Amino acid sequence: MSGADREKWDERYRLGAYEDRTHPSAWLERWVPDVTVGRALDVPCGAGRNALYLASRGFAVTGIDISDVALVRAEATARARELSIEWITRDLDNGHGMTGVFDLIVMIHYVDVDLVRDLACHLAPGGHLIAEMHLATDRPVAGPQDPAFRVAPGVLRDAAGHLDILGHSEEIVEDPDGRTVALARLAARQPRR
């Protein structure tokens, strides 16, 4: 992303984007009970809804996003809930910049298949990758209209490479906000060595 993209996202969050979306991803909620509590990474985390959920469940969470405005909101919410989360401002087009391994990596509504492949290399043995992206479709659905921000069928699953696929779906669903959306979803696990 460019500086213009950072400014665009900062302005969206400054104007209150996603303020009413405080619930975690339903796909994440479905799979997190199967994950060993440990180190978690949420990219991009936006205003932190998924990172906050994970921290409330005992994970040591790092959230990365391009928007400083979103991260200020996320940190205020974390403080109000007495949760400790590491927030990092970073343009993911330049990589995530993280080292080490994670027990859980979450990537919700961000289309970057190369990043999925890279993040898979940062999973601890038995670690989980939970991803959800807008799916390309001809049907009228909520979400980005630009096809560059949607993943083609089969692509997300293929990006998991050597991981064990625990769950995968590509479907039109109603999201918790009551909107019709097309989603590609993936739950995968790093094989234990």
N, C-alpha and C. Protein backbone atom coordinates (compact mmCIF):
# COMPACT_ATOMS: atom_id res chain seq x y z
N MET A 1 0.84 -1.18 0.00
CA MET A 1 0.00 0.00 0.00
C MET A 1 0.88 1.24 0.00
N SER A 2 0.36 2.29 -0.50
CA SER A 2 1.10 3.54 -0.54
C SER A 2 0.70 4.42 0.64
N GLY A 3 1.36 5.58 0.71
CA GLY A 3 0.98 6.55 1.73
C GLY A 3 -0.48 6.97 1.56
N ALA A 4 -0.94 7.01 0.30
CA ALA A 4 -2.34 7.36 0.04
C ALA A 4 -3.27 6.31 0.63
N ASP A 5 -2.88 5.04 0.57
CA ASP A 5 -3.70 3.98 1.17
C ASP A 5 -3.76 4.13 2.69
N ARG A 6 -2.63 4.46 3.28
CA ARG A 6 -2.60 4.67 4.74
C ARG A 6 -3.54 5.82 5.11
N GLU A 7 -3.46 6.91 4.36
CA GLU A 7 -4.33 8.05 4.62
C GLU A 7 -5.80 7.68 4.44
N LYS A 8 -6.10 6.87 3.41
CA LYS A 8 -7.48 6.44 3.16
C LYS A 8 -8.02 5.66 4.35
N TRP A 9 -7.23 4.69 4.86
CA TRP A 9 -7.69 3.88 5.99
C TRP A 9 -7.76 4.71 7.27
N ASP A 10 -6.79 5.60 7.48
CA ASP A 10 -6.86 6.47 8.66
C ASP A 10 -8.14 7.30 8.63
N GLU A 11 -8.47 7.85 7.45
CA GLU A 11 -9.67 8.66 7.34
C GLU A 11 -10.93 7.83 7.58
N ARG A 12 -10.97 6.62 7.05
CA ARG A 12 -12.13 5.76 7.29
C ARG A 12 -12.34 5.52 8.77
N TYR A 13 -11.27 5.18 9.47
CA TYR A 13 -11.40 4.92 10.91
C TYR A 13 -11.70 6.21 11.67
N ARG A 14 -11.13 7.33 11.24
CA ARG A 14 -11.41 8.62 11.87
C ARG A 14 -12.90 8.95 11.77
N LEU A 15 -13.53 8.57 10.66
CA LEU A 15 -14.95 8.83 10.44
C LEU A 15 -15.86 7.77 11.07
N GLY A 16 -15.26 6.80 11.79
CA GLY A 16 -16.05 5.82 12.53
C GLY A 16 -16.28 4.49 11.85
N ALA A 17 -15.52 4.20 10.81
CA ALA A 17 -15.69 2.92 10.12
C ALA A 17 -15.56 1.76 11.10
N TYR A 18 -16.48 0.82 10.97
CA TYR A 18 -16.47 -0.44 11.72
C TYR A 18 -16.64 -0.27 13.23
N GLU A 19 -17.11 0.89 13.69
CA GLU A 19 -17.31 1.08 15.13
C GLU A 19 -18.33 0.11 15.70
N ASP A 20 -19.31 -0.26 14.88
CA ASP A 20 -20.33 -1.19 15.36
C ASP A 20 -19.94 -2.64 15.20
N ARG A 21 -18.80 -2.90 14.59
CA ARG A 21 -18.35 -4.27 14.39
C ARG A 21 -17.33 -4.62 15.48
N THR A 22 -17.86 -5.02 16.61
CA THR A 22 -17.00 -5.34 17.75
C THR A 22 -16.88 -6.83 17.99
N HIS A 23 -17.75 -7.60 17.34
CA HIS A 23 -17.73 -9.06 17.51
C HIS A 23 -16.59 -9.67 16.67
N PRO A 24 -16.02 -10.77 17.13
CA PRO A 24 -14.98 -11.43 16.33
C PRO A 24 -15.59 -12.12 15.11
N SER A 25 -14.74 -12.49 14.21
CA SER A 25 -15.17 -13.28 13.05
C SER A 25 -15.82 -14.57 13.53
N ALA A 26 -16.97 -14.90 12.96
CA ALA A 26 -17.66 -16.15 13.31
C ALA A 26 -16.78 -17.36 12.97
N TRP A 27 -16.02 -17.26 11.88
CA TRP A 27 -15.13 -18.35 11.48
C TRP A 27 -14.03 -18.55 12.54
N LEU A 28 -13.49 -17.46 13.06
CA LEU A 28 -12.49 -17.54 14.12
C LEU A 28 -13.10 -18.16 15.37
N GLU A 29 -14.28 -17.69 15.76
CA GLU A 29 -14.95 -18.24 16.95
C GLU A 29 -15.17 -19.74 16.82
N ARG A 30 -15.48 -20.18 15.62
CA ARG A 30 -15.73 -21.61 15.40
C ARG A 30 -14.48 -22.44 15.68
N TRP A 31 -13.32 -21.96 15.29
CA TRP A 31 -12.11 -22.77 15.35
C TRP A 31 -11.23 -22.54 16.57
N VAL A 32 -11.32 -21.38 17.21
CA VAL A 32 -10.38 -21.08 18.29
C VAL A 32 -10.44 -22.06 19.46
N PRO A 33 -11.58 -22.69 19.78
CA PRO A 33 -11.54 -23.67 20.87
C PRO A 33 -10.59 -24.85 20.62
N ASP A 34 -10.25 -25.10 19.35
CA ASP A 34 -9.34 -26.20 19.02
C ASP A 34 -7.87 -25.80 19.06
N VAL A 35 -7.60 -24.53 19.31
CA VAL A 35 -6.24 -24.01 19.25
C VAL A 35 -5.64 -23.95 20.65
N THR A 36 -4.40 -24.39 20.78
CA THR A 36 -3.67 -24.26 22.04
C THR A 36 -3.41 -22.79 22.31
N VAL A 37 -3.78 -22.33 23.49
CA VAL A 37 -3.56 -20.93 23.85
C VAL A 37 -2.06 -20.68 23.92
N GLY A 38 -1.64 -19.60 23.26
CA GLY A 38 -0.23 -19.24 23.21
C GLY A 38 -0.07 -17.92 22.51
N ARG A 39 0.91 -17.85 21.65
CA ARG A 39 1.22 -16.62 20.92
C ARG A 39 0.34 -16.53 19.67
N ALA A 40 -0.31 -15.35 19.47
CA ALA A 40 -1.21 -15.17 18.33
C ALA A 40 -0.85 -13.90 17.56
N LEU A 41 -1.07 -13.94 16.25
CA LEU A 41 -0.82 -12.79 15.37
C LEU A 41 -2.09 -12.53 14.58
N ASP A 42 -2.53 -11.27 14.55
CA ASP A 42 -3.72 -10.85 13.80
C ASP A 42 -3.28 -9.83 12.76
N VAL A 43 -3.38 -10.19 11.47
CA VAL A 43 -2.96 -9.30 10.38
C VAL A 43 -4.02 -9.27 9.28
N PRO A 44 -4.41 -8.14 8.77
CA PRO A 44 -4.37 -6.86 9.48
C PRO A 44 -5.47 -6.85 10.53
N CYS A 45 -5.23 -6.15 11.61
CA CYS A 45 -6.15 -6.24 12.75
C CYS A 45 -7.20 -5.14 12.78
N GLY A 46 -7.05 -4.11 11.96
CA GLY A 46 -8.02 -3.02 12.00
C GLY A 46 -8.14 -2.46 13.41
N ALA A 47 -9.37 -2.27 13.87
CA ALA A 47 -9.61 -1.73 15.21
C ALA A 47 -9.56 -2.81 16.28
N GLY A 48 -9.12 -4.01 15.91
CA GLY A 48 -8.76 -5.02 16.90
C GLY A 48 -9.82 -6.00 17.35
N ARG A 49 -10.95 -6.11 16.66
CA ARG A 49 -12.03 -6.97 17.17
C ARG A 49 -11.57 -8.41 17.39
N ASN A 50 -10.78 -8.97 16.47
CA ASN A 50 -10.32 -10.36 16.63
C ASN A 50 -9.18 -10.46 17.64
N ALA A 51 -8.28 -9.48 17.63
CA ALA A 51 -7.18 -9.47 18.59
C ALA A 51 -7.72 -9.36 20.02
N LEU A 52 -8.71 -8.51 20.22
CA LEU A 52 -9.31 -8.35 21.54
C LEU A 52 -9.97 -9.64 22.01
N TYR A 53 -10.66 -10.30 21.11
CA TYR A 53 -11.30 -11.58 21.43
C TYR A 53 -10.25 -12.60 21.86
N LEU A 54 -9.16 -12.69 21.10
CA LEU A 54 -8.11 -13.66 21.43
C LEU A 54 -7.45 -13.34 22.76
N ALA A 55 -7.18 -12.07 23.00
CA ALA A 55 -6.56 -11.69 24.28
C ALA A 55 -7.49 -12.03 25.44
N SER A 56 -8.79 -11.87 25.25
CA SER A 56 -9.75 -12.20 26.32
C SER A 56 -9.78 -13.69 26.60
N ARG A 57 -9.30 -14.49 25.65
CA ARG A 57 -9.24 -15.94 25.83
C ARG A 57 -7.85 -16.41 26.29
N GLY A 58 -6.97 -15.47 26.60
CA GLY A 58 -5.68 -15.81 27.17
C GLY A 58 -4.50 -15.83 26.23
N PHE A 59 -4.71 -15.51 24.96
CA PHE A 59 -3.60 -15.48 24.01
C PHE A 59 -2.73 -14.24 24.23
N ALA A 60 -1.44 -14.38 23.96
CA ALA A 60 -0.52 -13.24 23.90
C ALA A 60 -0.56 -12.75 22.46
N VAL A 61 -1.22 -11.62 22.22
CA VAL A 61 -1.57 -11.20 20.87
C VAL A 61 -0.74 -10.03 20.38
N THR A 62 -0.35 -10.12 19.12
CA THR A 62 0.22 -9.01 18.38
C THR A 62 -0.73 -8.70 17.24
N GLY A 63 -1.11 -7.44 17.10
CA GLY A 63 -1.97 -7.01 16.00
C GLY A 63 -1.22 -6.03 15.12
N ILE A 64 -1.29 -6.24 13.82
CA ILE A 64 -0.60 -5.37 12.86
C ILE A 64 -1.64 -4.75 11.94
N ASP A 65 -1.50 -3.43 11.70
CA ASP A 65 -2.37 -2.76 10.75
C ASP A 65 -1.65 -1.53 10.20
N ILE A 66 -2.09 -1.08 9.02
CA ILE A 66 -1.52 0.10 8.39
C ILE A 66 -2.02 1.39 9.03
N SER A 67 -3.19 1.35 9.67
CA SER A 67 -3.83 2.57 10.17
C SER A 67 -3.51 2.84 11.64
N ASP A 68 -2.81 3.95 11.88
CA ASP A 68 -2.56 4.39 13.25
C ASP A 68 -3.86 4.72 13.97
N VAL A 69 -4.81 5.28 13.23
CA VAL A 69 -6.10 5.65 13.83
C VAL A 69 -6.82 4.39 14.33
N ALA A 70 -6.82 3.33 13.53
CA ALA A 70 -7.44 2.07 13.96
C ALA A 70 -6.75 1.52 15.20
N LEU A 71 -5.43 1.58 15.22
CA LEU A 71 -4.69 1.02 16.35
C LEU A 71 -4.87 1.83 17.62
N VAL A 72 -5.04 3.15 17.50
CA VAL A 72 -5.33 3.97 18.68
C VAL A 72 -6.69 3.55 19.26
N ARG A 73 -7.66 3.33 18.38
CA ARG A 73 -8.98 2.86 18.84
C ARG A 73 -8.85 1.49 19.49
N ALA A 74 -8.07 0.60 18.86
CA ALA A 74 -7.89 -0.75 19.40
C ALA A 74 -7.24 -0.71 20.78
N GLU A 75 -6.23 0.12 20.94
CA GLU A 75 -5.53 0.22 22.22
C GLU A 75 -6.46 0.78 23.30
N ALA A 76 -7.29 1.76 22.95
CA ALA A 76 -8.23 2.31 23.93
C ALA A 76 -9.21 1.23 24.39
N THR A 77 -9.69 0.43 23.46
CA THR A 77 -10.61 -0.65 23.82
C THR A 77 -9.91 -1.69 24.70
N ALA A 78 -8.67 -2.03 24.33
CA ALA A 78 -7.91 -3.00 25.13
C ALA A 78 -7.72 -2.50 26.56
N ARG A 79 -7.35 -1.24 26.70
CA ARG A 79 -7.17 -0.68 28.05
C ARG A 79 -8.48 -0.72 28.84
N ALA A 80 -9.58 -0.36 28.18
CA ALA A 80 -10.88 -0.36 28.86
C ALA A 80 -11.26 -1.76 29.33
N ARG A 81 -10.83 -2.77 28.58
CA ARG A 81 -11.13 -4.16 28.95
C ARG A 81 -10.02 -4.80 29.78
N GLU A 82 -9.00 -4.01 30.09
CA GLU A 82 -7.85 -4.47 30.86
C GLU A 82 -7.14 -5.64 30.18
N LEU A 83 -6.93 -5.49 28.88
CA LEU A 83 -6.23 -6.48 28.08
C LEU A 83 -4.92 -5.89 27.59
N SER A 84 -3.90 -6.71 27.54
CA SER A 84 -2.59 -6.28 27.05
C SER A 84 -2.35 -6.90 25.67
N ILE A 85 -2.21 -6.04 24.66
CA ILE A 85 -1.98 -6.47 23.28
C ILE A 85 -0.87 -5.61 22.70
N GLU A 86 0.00 -6.21 21.94
CA GLU A 86 1.05 -5.45 21.24
C GLU A 86 0.47 -5.01 19.89
N TRP A 87 0.48 -3.69 19.64
CA TRP A 87 -0.04 -3.14 18.38
C TRP A 87 1.13 -2.61 17.57
N ILE A 88 1.18 -2.97 16.29
CA ILE A 88 2.28 -2.53 15.41
C ILE A 88 1.69 -1.91 14.16
N THR A 89 2.13 -0.69 13.84
CA THR A 89 1.74 -0.06 12.59
C THR A 89 2.71 -0.52 11.51
N ARG A 90 2.14 -1.12 10.45
CA ARG A 90 3.00 -1.63 9.38
C ARG A 90 2.19 -1.75 8.10
N ASP A 91 2.82 -1.40 7.00
CA ASP A 91 2.25 -1.61 5.68
C ASP A 91 2.56 -3.05 5.28
N LEU A 92 1.54 -3.89 5.21
CA LEU A 92 1.75 -5.31 4.92
C LEU A 92 2.27 -5.56 3.51
N ASP A 93 2.18 -4.57 2.63
CA ASP A 93 2.80 -4.72 1.31
C ASP A 93 4.31 -4.84 1.42
N ASN A 94 4.85 -4.41 2.56
CA ASN A 94 6.29 -4.52 2.83
C ASN A 94 6.61 -5.71 3.73
N GLY A 95 5.66 -6.64 3.87
CA GLY A 95 5.84 -7.81 4.72
C GLY A 95 5.34 -7.54 6.12
N HIS A 96 5.21 -8.60 6.89
CA HIS A 96 4.69 -8.45 8.26
C HIS A 96 5.78 -8.12 9.26
N GLY A 97 7.04 -8.43 8.94
CA GLY A 97 8.16 -8.06 9.79
C GLY A 97 8.29 -8.84 11.08
N MET A 98 7.52 -9.90 11.26
CA MET A 98 7.56 -10.66 12.50
C MET A 98 8.61 -11.77 12.43
N THR A 99 9.14 -12.11 13.58
CA THR A 99 10.07 -13.22 13.69
C THR A 99 9.48 -14.25 14.65
N GLY A 100 10.06 -15.41 14.65
CA GLY A 100 9.58 -16.44 15.56
C GLY A 100 8.35 -17.14 15.03
N VAL A 101 7.72 -17.91 15.90
CA VAL A 101 6.56 -18.70 15.49
C VAL A 101 5.36 -18.35 16.36
N PHE A 102 4.19 -18.69 15.84
CA PHE A 102 2.93 -18.39 16.50
C PHE A 102 2.09 -19.65 16.59
N ASP A 103 1.30 -19.73 17.65
CA ASP A 103 0.37 -20.84 17.82
C ASP A 103 -0.90 -20.62 17.01
N LEU A 104 -1.17 -19.35 16.70
CA LEU A 104 -2.35 -18.99 15.92
C LEU A 104 -2.05 -17.75 15.10
N ILE A 105 -2.37 -17.80 13.82
CA ILE A 105 -2.28 -16.63 12.95
C ILE A 105 -3.65 -16.43 12.32
N VAL A 106 -4.14 -15.21 12.43
CA VAL A 106 -5.46 -14.85 11.93
C VAL A 106 -5.32 -13.80 10.84
N MET A 107 -5.99 -14.04 9.72
CA MET A 107 -5.99 -13.09 8.61
C MET A 107 -7.42 -13.01 8.08
N ILE A 108 -8.12 -11.94 8.44
CA ILE A 108 -9.54 -11.81 8.12
C ILE A 108 -9.76 -10.62 7.18
N HIS A 109 -10.40 -10.90 6.05
CA HIS A 109 -10.82 -9.90 5.06
C HIS A 109 -9.67 -9.10 4.48
N TYR A 110 -8.57 -9.75 4.23
CA TYR A 110 -7.42 -9.11 3.58
C TYR A 110 -6.93 -10.08 2.52
N VAL A 111 -6.90 -9.65 1.27
CA VAL A 111 -6.52 -10.54 0.17
C VAL A 111 -5.05 -10.33 -0.18
N ASP A 112 -4.23 -11.30 0.19
CA ASP A 112 -2.81 -11.33 -0.17
C ASP A 112 -2.37 -12.79 -0.02
N VAL A 113 -2.45 -13.51 -1.10
CA VAL A 113 -2.16 -14.95 -1.07
C VAL A 113 -0.70 -15.21 -0.73
N ASP A 114 0.21 -14.37 -1.22
CA ASP A 114 1.62 -14.55 -0.88
C ASP A 114 1.84 -14.38 0.62
N LEU A 115 1.12 -13.46 1.23
CA LEU A 115 1.24 -13.27 2.68
C LEU A 115 0.74 -14.50 3.42
N VAL A 116 -0.32 -15.12 2.94
CA VAL A 116 -0.81 -16.36 3.56
C VAL A 116 0.29 -17.41 3.55
N ARG A 117 0.93 -17.56 2.40
CA ARG A 117 2.01 -18.56 2.29
C ARG A 117 3.16 -18.24 3.25
N ASP A 118 3.53 -16.96 3.33
CA ASP A 118 4.61 -16.56 4.23
C ASP A 118 4.22 -16.79 5.68
N LEU A 119 3.00 -16.41 6.06
CA LEU A 119 2.56 -16.58 7.43
C LEU A 119 2.54 -18.05 7.83
N ALA A 120 2.20 -18.93 6.90
CA ALA A 120 2.18 -20.36 7.20
C ALA A 120 3.55 -20.85 7.67
N CYS A 121 4.60 -20.21 7.20
CA CYS A 121 5.96 -20.59 7.61
C CYS A 121 6.27 -20.15 9.04
N HIS A 122 5.42 -19.32 9.63
CA HIS A 122 5.64 -18.81 10.99
C HIS A 122 4.74 -19.50 12.02
N LEU A 123 4.15 -20.62 11.63
CA LEU A 123 3.33 -21.37 12.58
C LEU A 123 4.19 -22.35 13.37
N ALA A 124 3.96 -22.42 14.65
CA ALA A 124 4.61 -23.42 15.48
C ALA A 124 4.08 -24.79 15.09
N PRO A 125 4.81 -25.87 15.37
CA PRO A 125 4.25 -27.20 15.13
C PRO A 125 2.89 -27.33 15.83
N GLY A 126 1.88 -27.71 15.08
CA GLY A 126 0.53 -27.80 15.62
C GLY A 126 -0.21 -26.47 15.63
N GLY A 127 0.47 -25.39 15.17
CA GLY A 127 -0.15 -24.06 15.14
C GLY A 127 -1.20 -23.95 14.05
N HIS A 128 -2.15 -23.05 14.26
CA HIS A 128 -3.30 -22.90 13.36
C HIS A 128 -3.25 -21.59 12.57
N LEU A 129 -3.72 -21.67 11.34
CA LEU A 129 -3.95 -20.51 10.49
C LEU A 129 -5.44 -20.43 10.24
N ILE A 130 -6.04 -19.30 10.59
CA ILE A 130 -7.46 -19.06 10.36
C ILE A 130 -7.56 -17.86 9.41
N ALA A 131 -8.11 -18.09 8.23
CA ALA A 131 -8.20 -17.02 7.24
C ALA A 131 -9.61 -16.94 6.66
N GLU A 132 -9.99 -15.72 6.32
CA GLU A 132 -11.29 -15.49 5.70
C GLU A 132 -11.12 -14.32 4.75
N MET A 133 -11.50 -14.52 3.49
CA MET A 133 -11.36 -13.48 2.47
C MET A 133 -12.65 -13.36 1.69
N HIS A 134 -12.89 -12.16 1.16
CA HIS A 134 -14.03 -11.99 0.27
C HIS A 134 -13.78 -12.81 -0.99
N LEU A 135 -14.78 -13.56 -1.41
CA LEU A 135 -14.69 -14.47 -2.55
C LEU A 135 -15.23 -13.79 -3.80
N ALA A 136 -14.56 -14.00 -4.91
CA ALA A 136 -15.03 -13.48 -6.20
C ALA A 136 -16.36 -14.14 -6.54
N THR A 137 -17.31 -13.32 -6.97
CA THR A 137 -18.64 -13.83 -7.33
C THR A 137 -19.32 -12.85 -8.27
N ASP A 138 -20.27 -13.35 -9.05
CA ASP A 138 -21.08 -12.49 -9.90
C ASP A 138 -22.35 -12.05 -9.19
N ARG A 139 -22.62 -12.63 -8.04
CA ARG A 139 -23.84 -12.30 -7.29
C ARG A 139 -23.69 -10.97 -6.55
N PRO A 140 -24.79 -10.27 -6.35
CA PRO A 140 -24.71 -9.01 -5.59
C PRO A 140 -24.50 -9.31 -4.10
N VAL A 141 -23.36 -8.91 -3.59
CA VAL A 141 -23.02 -9.16 -2.19
C VAL A 141 -22.35 -7.92 -1.61
N ALA A 142 -22.34 -7.85 -0.28
CA ALA A 142 -21.65 -6.76 0.41
C ALA A 142 -20.15 -6.98 0.34
N GLY A 143 -19.42 -5.94 0.61
CA GLY A 143 -17.96 -6.04 0.59
C GLY A 143 -17.39 -5.31 -0.61
N PRO A 144 -16.09 -5.44 -0.81
CA PRO A 144 -15.44 -4.70 -1.88
C PRO A 144 -15.98 -5.10 -3.26
N GLN A 145 -16.16 -4.11 -4.10
CA GLN A 145 -16.63 -4.37 -5.46
C GLN A 145 -15.48 -4.56 -6.44
N ASP A 146 -14.30 -4.06 -6.09
CA ASP A 146 -13.12 -4.21 -6.94
C ASP A 146 -12.65 -5.67 -6.85
N PRO A 147 -12.56 -6.38 -8.00
CA PRO A 147 -12.13 -7.78 -7.97
C PRO A 147 -10.73 -7.99 -7.40
N ALA A 148 -9.91 -6.95 -7.36
CA ALA A 148 -8.57 -7.08 -6.78
C ALA A 148 -8.63 -7.37 -5.29
N PHE A 149 -9.78 -7.08 -4.66
CA PHE A 149 -9.92 -7.30 -3.23
C PHE A 149 -10.80 -8.51 -2.92
N ARG A 150 -10.86 -9.42 -3.89
CA ARG A 150 -11.57 -10.69 -3.73
C ARG A 150 -10.67 -11.81 -4.23
N VAL A 151 -10.79 -12.97 -3.63
CA VAL A 151 -9.97 -14.12 -4.01
C VAL A 151 -10.79 -15.05 -4.90
N ALA A 152 -10.16 -15.59 -5.92
CA ALA A 152 -10.83 -16.53 -6.83
C ALA A 152 -11.05 -17.87 -6.12
N PRO A 153 -12.06 -18.63 -6.53
CA PRO A 153 -12.30 -19.94 -5.92
C PRO A 153 -11.05 -20.82 -5.96
N GLY A 154 -10.79 -21.52 -4.87
CA GLY A 154 -9.68 -22.47 -4.78
C GLY A 154 -8.35 -21.86 -4.39
N VAL A 155 -8.19 -20.55 -4.53
CA VAL A 155 -6.90 -19.91 -4.31
C VAL A 155 -6.48 -19.93 -2.84
N LEU A 156 -7.40 -19.61 -1.95
CA LEU A 156 -7.05 -19.59 -0.53
C LEU A 156 -6.64 -20.97 -0.05
N ARG A 157 -7.39 -21.98 -0.44
CA ARG A 157 -7.05 -23.36 -0.04
C ARG A 157 -5.66 -23.75 -0.58
N ASP A 158 -5.40 -23.42 -1.83
CA ASP A 158 -4.10 -23.74 -2.43
C ASP A 158 -2.95 -23.04 -1.71
N ALA A 159 -3.21 -21.84 -1.18
CA ALA A 159 -2.17 -21.08 -0.50
C ALA A 159 -1.70 -21.76 0.78
N ALA A 160 -2.53 -22.65 1.32
CA ALA A 160 -2.17 -23.34 2.57
C ALA A 160 -1.02 -24.32 2.38
N GLY A 161 -0.72 -24.65 1.12
CA GLY A 161 0.44 -25.49 0.82
C GLY A 161 0.51 -26.77 1.61
N HIS A 162 1.53 -26.88 2.45
CA HIS A 162 1.82 -28.11 3.20
C HIS A 162 1.00 -28.25 4.48
N LEU A 163 0.18 -27.26 4.81
CA LEU A 163 -0.60 -27.33 6.04
C LEU A 163 -1.70 -28.38 5.95
N ASP A 164 -2.09 -28.92 7.09
CA ASP A 164 -3.24 -29.83 7.14
C ASP A 164 -4.51 -28.99 7.13
N ILE A 165 -5.38 -29.24 6.16
CA ILE A 165 -6.63 -28.49 6.04
C ILE A 165 -7.64 -29.09 7.02
N LEU A 166 -8.12 -28.27 7.95
CA LEU A 166 -9.11 -28.70 8.93
C LEU A 166 -10.51 -28.31 8.49
N GLY A 167 -10.60 -27.19 7.81
CA GLY A 167 -11.89 -26.71 7.34
C GLY A 167 -11.69 -25.73 6.20
N HIS A 168 -12.58 -25.80 5.22
CA HIS A 168 -12.51 -24.89 4.08
C HIS A 168 -13.91 -24.74 3.51
N SER A 169 -14.28 -23.51 3.18
CA SER A 169 -15.57 -23.31 2.53
C SER A 169 -15.48 -22.11 1.61
N GLU A 170 -16.29 -22.15 0.58
CA GLU A 170 -16.45 -21.02 -0.34
C GLU A 170 -17.95 -20.92 -0.57
N GLU A 171 -18.57 -19.88 -0.01
CA GLU A 171 -20.02 -19.83 -0.07
C GLU A 171 -20.55 -18.42 0.13
N ILE A 172 -21.81 -18.27 -0.23
CA ILE A 172 -22.55 -17.05 0.04
C ILE A 172 -23.25 -17.27 1.39
N VAL A 173 -23.01 -16.37 2.33
CA VAL A 173 -23.57 -16.50 3.67
C VAL A 173 -24.09 -15.15 4.16
N GLU A 174 -24.83 -15.19 5.24
CA GLU A 174 -25.23 -13.96 5.90
C GLU A 174 -24.26 -13.73 7.05
N ASP A 175 -23.64 -12.54 7.08
CA ASP A 175 -22.69 -12.28 8.16
C ASP A 175 -23.44 -11.82 9.41
N PRO A 176 -22.74 -11.71 10.55
CA PRO A 176 -23.41 -11.32 11.80
C PRO A 176 -24.08 -9.95 11.73
N ASP A 177 -23.69 -9.13 10.76
CA ASP A 177 -24.31 -7.81 10.60
C ASP A 177 -25.57 -7.89 9.75
N GLY A 178 -25.92 -9.10 9.28
CA GLY A 178 -27.12 -9.28 8.48
C GLY A 178 -26.93 -9.01 6.99
N ARG A 179 -25.68 -8.89 6.55
CA ARG A 179 -25.40 -8.64 5.14
C ARG A 179 -25.09 -9.95 4.43
N THR A 180 -25.44 -10.02 3.15
CA THR A 180 -25.10 -11.18 2.33
C THR A 180 -23.69 -10.98 1.81
N VAL A 181 -22.80 -11.95 2.08
CA VAL A 181 -21.40 -11.85 1.68
C VAL A 181 -20.95 -13.16 1.03
N ALA A 182 -19.96 -13.05 0.17
CA ALA A 182 -19.33 -14.22 -0.44
C ALA A 182 -17.96 -14.38 0.22
N LEU A 183 -17.73 -15.53 0.84
CA LEU A 183 -16.50 -15.72 1.61
C LEU A 183 -15.78 -17.02 1.26
N ALA A 184 -14.46 -16.91 1.21
CA ALA A 184 -13.59 -18.08 1.18
C ALA A 184 -13.01 -18.16 2.59
N ARG A 185 -13.13 -19.34 3.21
CA ARG A 185 -12.67 -19.51 4.59
C ARG A 185 -11.74 -20.71 4.67
N LEU A 186 -10.75 -20.58 5.54
CA LEU A 186 -9.76 -21.64 5.69
C LEU A 186 -9.37 -21.78 7.15
N ALA A 187 -9.32 -23.01 7.63
CA ALA A 187 -8.73 -23.35 8.93
C ALA A 187 -7.72 -24.44 8.63
N ALA A 188 -6.47 -24.19 8.96
CA ALA A 188 -5.40 -25.15 8.65
C ALA A 188 -4.43 -25.23 9.83
N ARG A 189 -3.69 -26.33 9.88
CA ARG A 189 -2.77 -26.55 11.00
C ARG A 189 -1.42 -26.99 10.47
N GLN A 190 -0.39 -26.46 11.09
CA GLN A 190 0.98 -26.88 10.79
C GLN A 190 1.15 -28.30 11.33
N PRO A 191 1.62 -29.22 10.49
CA PRO A 191 1.83 -30.58 11.02
C PRO A 191 2.80 -30.58 12.20
N ARG A 192 2.56 -31.46 13.14
CA ARG A 192 3.51 -31.61 14.26
C ARG A 192 4.71 -32.38 13.75
N ARG A 193 5.86 -31.99 14.19
CA ARG A 193 7.09 -32.64 13.70
C ARG A 193 7.39 -33.90 14.45
